[in-house]
Amino acid sequence: MLLSFLASRVLGQYETFAPAGRDLPGSAAGGGRLLLVAPNIVHVERELDVRPHDFRLWVCLHEETHRTQFTAVPWLRDHLEGEIQTFLGATEVDPATILERLREAAQSFAGARPDSEQGDEGRSLVELVQTPEQREVLGRLTAVMSLLEGHADYVMDGVGPAVVPSVAEIREKFQQRRASGAGRLDATLRKLLGLDAKLRQYRDGERFVRAVVGQVGMDGFNRVWTSPNTLPTKAEIAKPADWVARVHRKGE
């Protein structure tokens, strides 16, 4: 049931760790492949009443940006994989511990208002059953994913009407769709599964990219791809000026 719910929300996906190979559609040299979920794309474009060709190209631009990120930045894939391995290595499989955390999670959701912000992404079921070490790793992963998703959104919007004629209309309607959500059950499931945090990655990441480009230009922003040390922290995603001060300090 949960997989079917999640599957209906995905338009496209760049599978970072998929093996390369001619037998895999969408595969790129060095690994990874780009997938598009055609029924979902058609459903959304009809729901938004936008031009099919423009919308499909717009979605492809987002996923192609992810492909470019991982193929143009050699260390990024290994860095992300290392963080994921650290996260998995900190998993607690003790049944009693997991049961206790699930009980705490259930009590938390039972006492929370559906529209409550809670002030913390850690209110999702997935995060409530994590260890402190996993939450620390997740903070770093959240920052990286916010950067990648925000950068992809920035590129999508930056192509302009010369490439996607109705890009302004698509972005406006798509943002309204993201913000409005659906019914009470849909909103509850989104919060339970941490999908609200995923949506914040797009919003906060795009704001970070736009703010940094505004301060130091695209060349200055591209220093983010220099090494893992120049990636923004979760706090810097919220305060782009802090990243600029750290990475561009002393006029470097």
Protein backbone atom coordinates (compact mmCIF):
# COMPACT_ATOMS: atom_id res chain seq x y z
CA MET A 1 0.00 0.00 0.00
CA LEU A 2 2.79 2.40 0.94
CA LEU A 3 4.75 1.57 -2.19
CA SER A 4 1.69 2.20 -4.36
CA PHE A 5 1.15 5.56 -2.64
CA LEU A 6 4.77 6.59 -3.19
CA ALA A 7 4.86 5.29 -6.77
CA SER A 8 1.97 7.54 -7.75
CA ARG A 9 3.99 10.62 -6.68
CA VAL A 10 7.11 10.05 -8.78
CA LEU A 11 7.47 11.67 -12.21
CA GLY A 12 11.08 10.75 -12.86
CA GLN A 13 14.14 9.41 -11.12
CA TYR A 14 17.85 9.35 -11.78
CA GLU A 15 19.03 6.05 -10.28
CA THR A 16 22.45 7.09 -9.08
CA PHE A 17 23.74 3.63 -8.19
CA ALA A 18 22.19 1.62 -11.02
CA PRO A 19 24.84 -0.32 -12.97
CA ALA A 20 25.76 0.92 -16.42
CA GLY A 21 25.07 -1.31 -19.38
CA ARG A 22 23.64 -1.29 -22.86
CA ASP A 23 20.85 -3.60 -21.79
CA LEU A 24 19.51 -1.01 -19.33
CA PRO A 25 17.43 1.77 -20.92
CA GLY A 26 18.59 5.21 -19.89
CA SER A 27 21.98 3.99 -18.64
CA ALA A 28 24.94 6.35 -18.66
CA ALA A 29 28.64 5.65 -18.79
CA GLY A 30 30.00 5.04 -15.32
CA GLY A 31 26.69 3.92 -13.88
CA GLY A 32 23.31 5.44 -13.21
CA ARG A 33 20.22 5.56 -15.37
CA LEU A 34 17.36 7.94 -15.95
CA LEU A 35 13.80 6.68 -15.59
CA LEU A 36 10.51 8.44 -16.33
CA VAL A 37 7.11 7.28 -15.07
CA ALA A 38 4.96 7.96 -18.12
CA PRO A 39 1.48 7.40 -16.58
CA ASN A 40 2.25 9.82 -13.74
CA ILE A 41 3.60 12.46 -16.12
CA VAL A 42 0.52 12.24 -18.33
CA HIS A 43 -1.76 12.39 -15.28
CA VAL A 44 -0.09 15.53 -13.90
CA GLU A 45 0.12 17.36 -17.22
CA ARG A 46 -3.61 16.79 -17.72
CA GLU A 47 -4.38 17.80 -14.14
CA LEU A 48 -2.42 21.03 -14.58
CA ASP A 49 -3.77 21.59 -18.10
CA VAL A 50 -0.35 22.42 -19.55
CA ARG A 51 1.25 21.71 -22.92
CA PRO A 52 2.33 18.04 -22.93
CA HIS A 53 5.53 18.58 -24.95
CA ASP A 54 6.68 21.44 -22.72
CA PHE A 55 5.86 19.65 -19.49
CA ARG A 56 7.61 16.45 -20.50
CA LEU A 57 10.71 18.37 -21.57
CA TRP A 58 10.61 20.31 -18.29
CA VAL A 59 10.55 17.08 -16.26
CA CYS A 60 13.38 15.62 -18.35
CA LEU A 61 15.50 18.71 -17.72
CA HIS A 62 15.26 18.12 -13.97
CA GLU A 63 16.41 14.51 -14.23
CA GLU A 64 19.09 15.30 -16.81
CA THR A 65 20.49 17.87 -14.39
CA HIS A 66 20.90 15.08 -11.84
CA ARG A 67 22.68 12.98 -14.46
CA THR A 68 25.03 15.89 -15.15
CA GLN A 69 25.67 16.46 -11.44
CA PHE A 70 26.86 12.90 -10.92
CA THR A 71 28.79 12.52 -14.18
CA ALA A 72 30.51 15.92 -14.00
CA VAL A 73 31.48 15.69 -10.32
CA PRO A 74 33.57 12.49 -10.02
CA TRP A 75 33.63 12.31 -6.20
CA LEU A 76 29.92 12.96 -5.63
CA ARG A 77 28.68 9.40 -6.19
CA ASP A 78 31.27 7.86 -3.86
CA HIS A 79 30.64 10.52 -1.21
CA LEU A 80 26.90 9.91 -1.25
CA GLU A 81 27.37 6.14 -1.20
CA GLY A 82 29.72 6.46 1.77
CA GLU A 83 27.16 8.47 3.72
CA ILE A 84 24.47 5.90 2.95
CA GLN A 85 26.73 3.05 4.07
CA THR A 86 27.43 4.90 7.33
CA PHE A 87 23.70 5.38 7.79
CA LEU A 88 22.99 1.69 7.21
CA GLY A 89 25.85 0.66 9.48
CA ALA A 90 24.24 2.52 12.36
CA THR A 91 20.96 0.62 12.01
CA GLU A 92 19.73 -1.07 15.17
CA VAL A 93 18.05 -4.41 14.53
CA ASP A 94 17.16 -5.21 18.10
CA PRO A 95 13.39 -5.98 17.94
CA ALA A 96 12.68 -4.54 21.39
CA THR A 97 14.39 -1.24 20.50
CA ILE A 98 12.56 -0.97 17.19
CA LEU A 99 9.23 -1.77 18.84
CA GLU A 100 9.77 0.89 21.50
CA ARG A 101 10.62 3.52 18.88
CA LEU A 102 7.57 2.57 16.82
CA ARG A 103 5.42 2.92 19.93
CA GLU A 104 6.89 6.37 20.60
CA ALA A 105 6.31 7.32 16.98
CA ALA A 106 2.68 6.21 17.13
CA GLN A 107 2.13 8.22 20.31
CA SER A 108 3.75 11.26 18.72
CA PHE A 109 1.45 11.15 15.72
CA ALA A 110 -1.59 10.43 17.85
CA GLY A 111 -1.01 13.64 19.78
CA ALA A 112 -0.03 15.84 16.84
CA ARG A 113 -2.35 18.06 14.84
CA PRO A 114 -2.30 17.23 11.09
CA ASP A 115 -1.41 20.83 10.29
CA SER A 116 1.26 21.10 12.97
CA GLU A 117 4.73 22.02 11.76
CA GLN A 118 6.43 20.43 14.80
CA GLY A 119 9.48 22.49 13.83
CA ASP A 120 11.47 19.37 12.95
CA GLU A 121 11.66 16.95 10.03
CA GLY A 122 12.35 14.25 12.62
CA ARG A 123 8.63 13.89 13.16
CA SER A 124 8.26 11.47 10.26
CA LEU A 125 7.89 7.79 11.14
CA VAL A 126 11.08 6.93 9.29
CA GLU A 127 13.15 9.39 11.30
CA LEU A 128 11.58 8.67 14.66
CA VAL A 129 12.90 5.10 14.59
CA GLN A 130 16.46 6.17 13.77
CA THR A 131 19.47 6.20 16.08
CA PRO A 132 21.17 9.51 17.05
CA GLU A 133 24.06 8.65 14.72
CA GLN A 134 21.66 8.05 11.86
CA ARG A 135 19.99 11.40 12.47
CA GLU A 136 23.38 13.09 12.24
CA VAL A 137 24.11 11.36 8.93
CA LEU A 138 20.61 12.17 7.73
CA GLY A 139 21.26 15.85 8.40
CA ARG A 140 24.24 15.75 6.04
CA LEU A 141 22.30 13.75 3.45
CA THR A 142 19.40 16.19 3.67
CA ALA A 143 21.76 19.08 2.93
CA VAL A 144 23.23 17.29 -0.10
CA MET A 145 19.82 16.28 -1.46
CA SER A 146 18.49 19.82 -0.91
CA LEU A 147 21.42 21.11 -2.96
CA LEU A 148 20.90 18.59 -5.77
CA GLU A 149 17.13 18.99 -5.96
CA GLY A 150 17.27 22.77 -5.61
CA HIS A 151 19.95 23.04 -8.28
CA ALA A 152 17.85 20.90 -10.63
CA ASP A 153 14.81 23.11 -10.02
CA TYR A 154 16.93 26.21 -10.62
CA VAL A 155 18.13 24.80 -13.93
CA MET A 156 14.57 23.83 -14.92
CA ASP A 157 13.39 27.39 -14.42
CA GLY A 158 16.50 28.92 -15.94
CA VAL A 159 16.14 27.37 -19.39
CA GLY A 160 13.67 30.10 -20.36
CA PRO A 161 10.86 30.21 -22.92
CA ALA A 162 13.27 29.75 -25.81
CA VAL A 163 13.62 26.10 -24.75
CA VAL A 164 10.33 25.51 -22.91
CA PRO A 165 7.86 28.13 -24.19
CA SER A 166 5.35 27.74 -21.35
CA VAL A 167 7.90 27.31 -18.54
CA ALA A 168 6.47 30.17 -16.44
CA GLU A 169 2.95 28.72 -16.56
CA ILE A 170 4.21 25.22 -15.75
CA ARG A 171 6.24 26.40 -12.75
CA GLU A 172 3.37 28.46 -11.33
CA LYS A 173 0.84 25.63 -11.63
CA PHE A 174 3.28 23.01 -10.38
CA GLN A 175 4.18 25.08 -7.32
CA GLN A 176 0.49 25.55 -6.55
CA ARG A 177 0.02 21.79 -6.80
CA ARG A 178 2.92 21.12 -4.42
CA ALA A 179 1.61 23.65 -1.93
CA SER A 180 -2.02 22.58 -1.98
CA GLY A 181 -1.44 18.85 -1.47
CA ALA A 182 -4.65 16.81 -1.34
CA GLY A 183 -7.04 15.51 1.27
CA ARG A 184 -6.51 14.84 4.96
CA LEU A 185 -5.43 11.22 4.43
CA ASP A 186 -2.93 12.25 1.77
CA ALA A 187 -1.51 14.96 4.02
CA THR A 188 -1.21 12.53 6.94
CA LEU A 189 0.59 9.92 4.84
CA ARG A 190 2.93 12.52 3.42
CA LYS A 191 3.89 13.64 6.90
CA LEU A 192 4.14 10.07 8.19
CA LEU A 193 6.51 9.05 5.40
CA GLY A 194 8.55 12.25 5.49
CA LEU A 195 7.43 13.43 2.06
CA ASP A 196 6.84 16.94 3.40
CA ALA A 197 10.54 17.05 4.21
CA LYS A 198 11.27 15.98 0.62
CA LEU A 199 9.19 18.88 -0.69
CA ARG A 200 11.11 21.25 1.56
CA GLN A 201 14.32 20.02 -0.07
CA TYR A 202 13.15 21.39 -3.43
CA ARG A 203 12.04 24.70 -1.91
CA ASP A 204 14.98 25.32 0.43
CA GLY A 205 17.58 24.04 -2.03
CA GLU A 206 16.32 26.25 -4.83
CA ARG A 207 16.37 29.27 -2.51
CA PHE A 208 19.95 28.41 -1.52
CA VAL A 209 21.12 28.19 -5.13
CA ARG A 210 19.32 31.37 -6.15
CA ALA A 211 20.71 33.31 -3.17
CA VAL A 212 24.30 32.13 -3.70
CA VAL A 213 24.22 32.86 -7.44
CA GLY A 214 22.84 36.28 -6.60
CA GLN A 215 25.77 36.97 -4.26
CA VAL A 216 28.76 35.41 -6.04
CA GLY A 217 27.50 34.48 -9.51
CA MET A 218 27.34 31.05 -11.12
CA ASP A 219 31.10 30.59 -11.06
CA GLY A 220 31.09 31.32 -7.35
CA PHE A 221 28.24 28.90 -6.77
CA ASN A 222 30.01 26.16 -8.72
CA ARG A 223 32.68 26.01 -6.02
CA VAL A 224 30.11 23.87 -4.22
CA TRP A 225 31.24 20.98 -6.44
CA THR A 226 34.93 21.29 -5.48
CA SER A 227 34.98 18.69 -2.69
CA PRO A 228 32.83 17.26 0.12
CA ASN A 229 34.16 20.11 2.31
CA THR A 230 32.53 22.73 0.09
CA LEU A 231 29.09 21.13 0.22
CA PRO A 232 26.64 23.18 2.29
CA THR A 233 25.61 21.99 5.72
CA LYS A 234 21.96 21.70 6.66
CA ALA A 235 22.26 25.01 8.55
CA GLU A 236 23.90 26.70 5.54
CA ILE A 237 21.07 25.59 3.25
CA ALA A 238 18.83 27.79 5.40
CA LYS A 239 21.45 30.57 5.58
CA PRO A 240 23.23 30.79 2.20
CA ALA A 241 25.30 33.79 3.33
CA ASP A 242 27.03 31.54 5.88
CA TRP A 243 28.12 29.17 3.10
CA VAL A 244 29.39 32.08 1.03
CA ALA A 245 31.34 33.41 4.03
CA ARG A 246 32.90 29.98 4.71
CA VAL A 247 33.77 28.94 1.18
CA HIS A 248 34.68 32.38 -0.17
CA ARG A 249 36.38 33.73 2.95
CA LYS A 250 39.51 35.85 2.66
CA GLY A 251 38.65 36.58 -0.95
CA GLU A 252 39.58 33.08 -2.07
